[in-house]
Amino acid sequence: MDVEKEVYQRLRQVKEPITEMDIVSLGLVEKVIADEDGVRIYLRLSEGLRHPFQNALSWPVKRRIVKDIVAILDDIARLEILDSRTLERYYPLEED
């Protein structure tokens, strides 16, 4: 099995905390790219959020999803998780 297919399969174990449905079935995973630079996962976590207040309210859900993805893919080297709309990087976190 290629890396991208394996990542999609493993992402099916990550549940969206409110609905308890997997993030792949919900369409929250836009794409997975595996190449010589590592594995990048593009998530649709900011779609439909129009106001900064909505974005602030959604952070606990986003944080939980990203934390669960990192846990399930802890053996993947050079893993990066980004928002597909804003390209905001959720993981790895920027170090100050």
Protein backbone atom coordinates (compact mmCIF):
# COMPACT_ATOMS: atom_id res chain seq x y z
CA MET A 1 0.00 0.00 0.00
CA ASP A 2 1.38 3.43 -0.85
CA VAL A 3 1.92 6.03 1.86
CA GLU A 4 -0.99 8.28 0.86
CA LYS A 5 -3.51 5.41 0.95
CA GLU A 6 -2.15 4.23 4.28
CA VAL A 7 -2.47 7.74 5.76
CA TYR A 8 -6.09 8.01 4.53
CA GLN A 9 -6.87 4.61 6.11
CA ARG A 10 -5.36 5.65 9.42
CA LEU A 11 -7.13 9.03 9.33
CA ARG A 12 -10.45 7.15 9.29
CA GLN A 13 -9.74 6.36 12.96
CA VAL A 14 -9.77 10.07 13.86
CA LYS A 15 -13.22 11.17 14.98
CA GLU A 16 -14.66 14.67 14.82
CA PRO A 17 -15.46 15.29 18.50
CA ILE A 18 -19.02 16.61 18.07
CA THR A 19 -20.47 14.09 15.60
CA GLU A 20 -18.05 11.22 16.39
CA MET A 21 -17.85 10.54 12.62
CA ASP A 22 -14.44 9.97 11.07
CA ILE A 23 -12.82 13.02 9.50
CA VAL A 24 -12.37 11.35 6.09
CA SER A 25 -16.08 10.48 5.73
CA LEU A 26 -17.00 14.00 6.84
CA GLY A 27 -14.87 15.45 4.04
CA LEU A 28 -12.53 17.27 6.42
CA VAL A 29 -9.46 15.79 4.70
CA GLU A 30 -9.02 17.57 1.37
CA LYS A 31 -5.85 15.80 0.31
CA VAL A 32 -2.77 13.94 1.46
CA ILE A 33 0.52 14.43 -0.34
CA ALA A 34 3.47 12.15 0.29
CA ASP A 35 6.74 12.95 -1.46
CA GLU A 36 10.45 13.41 -0.77
CA ASP A 37 9.63 16.43 1.44
CA GLY A 38 7.46 14.36 3.80
CA VAL A 39 3.70 13.96 4.28
CA ARG A 40 1.36 16.94 4.12
CA ILE A 41 -2.27 16.71 5.13
CA TYR A 42 -4.63 19.47 4.00
CA LEU A 43 -7.72 19.81 6.21
CA ARG A 44 -10.95 21.71 5.67
CA LEU A 45 -11.23 23.06 9.20
CA SER A 46 -11.87 26.73 8.42
CA GLU A 47 -14.50 26.38 5.69
CA GLY A 48 -17.71 28.17 6.53
CA LEU A 49 -16.10 30.30 9.21
CA ARG A 50 -16.74 33.92 8.27
CA HIS A 51 -16.17 35.80 11.51
CA PRO A 52 -13.12 35.72 13.82
CA PHE A 53 -15.46 34.83 16.69
CA GLN A 54 -16.55 31.66 14.84
CA ASN A 55 -12.90 30.78 14.34
CA ALA A 56 -12.20 31.26 18.05
CA LEU A 57 -15.11 29.03 19.04
CA SER A 58 -13.92 26.28 16.69
CA TRP A 59 -10.38 26.09 18.11
CA PRO A 60 -11.06 23.38 20.73
CA VAL A 61 -12.45 21.10 17.99
CA LYS A 62 -9.57 21.88 15.61
CA ARG A 63 -7.02 21.28 18.38
CA ARG A 64 -8.55 17.93 19.27
CA ILE A 65 -8.60 16.77 15.62
CA VAL A 66 -4.98 17.82 15.02
CA LYS A 67 -3.86 16.22 18.31
CA ASP A 68 -5.59 12.95 17.35
CA ILE A 69 -4.03 13.01 13.86
CA VAL A 70 -0.56 13.52 15.31
CA ALA A 71 -1.12 10.64 17.75
CA ILE A 72 -2.31 8.23 15.06
CA LEU A 73 0.52 9.17 12.68
CA ASP A 74 3.30 9.46 15.27
CA ASP A 75 5.58 7.17 13.25
CA ILE A 76 5.41 9.33 10.10
CA ALA A 77 8.54 11.43 9.64
CA ARG A 78 8.22 15.05 8.46
CA LEU A 79 4.47 15.25 9.00
CA GLU A 80 2.81 18.61 8.33
CA ILE A 81 -0.86 19.48 8.82
CA LEU A 82 -2.27 22.55 7.06
CA ASP A 83 -5.59 24.26 6.53
CA SER A 84 -6.59 23.84 2.89
CA ARG A 85 -8.20 27.30 2.62
CA THR A 86 -5.86 29.52 4.64
CA LEU A 87 -2.71 27.34 4.44
CA GLU A 88 -2.31 27.96 8.18
CA ARG A 89 0.01 25.35 9.59
CA TYR A 90 -1.47 23.44 12.51
CA TYR A 91 1.42 21.02 12.98
CA PRO A 92 4.24 21.12 13.70
CA LEU A 93 3.69 24.21 15.78
CA GLU A 94 6.00 27.16 15.25
CA GLU A 95 8.71 27.33 17.87
CA ASP A 96 9.53 30.76 19.30
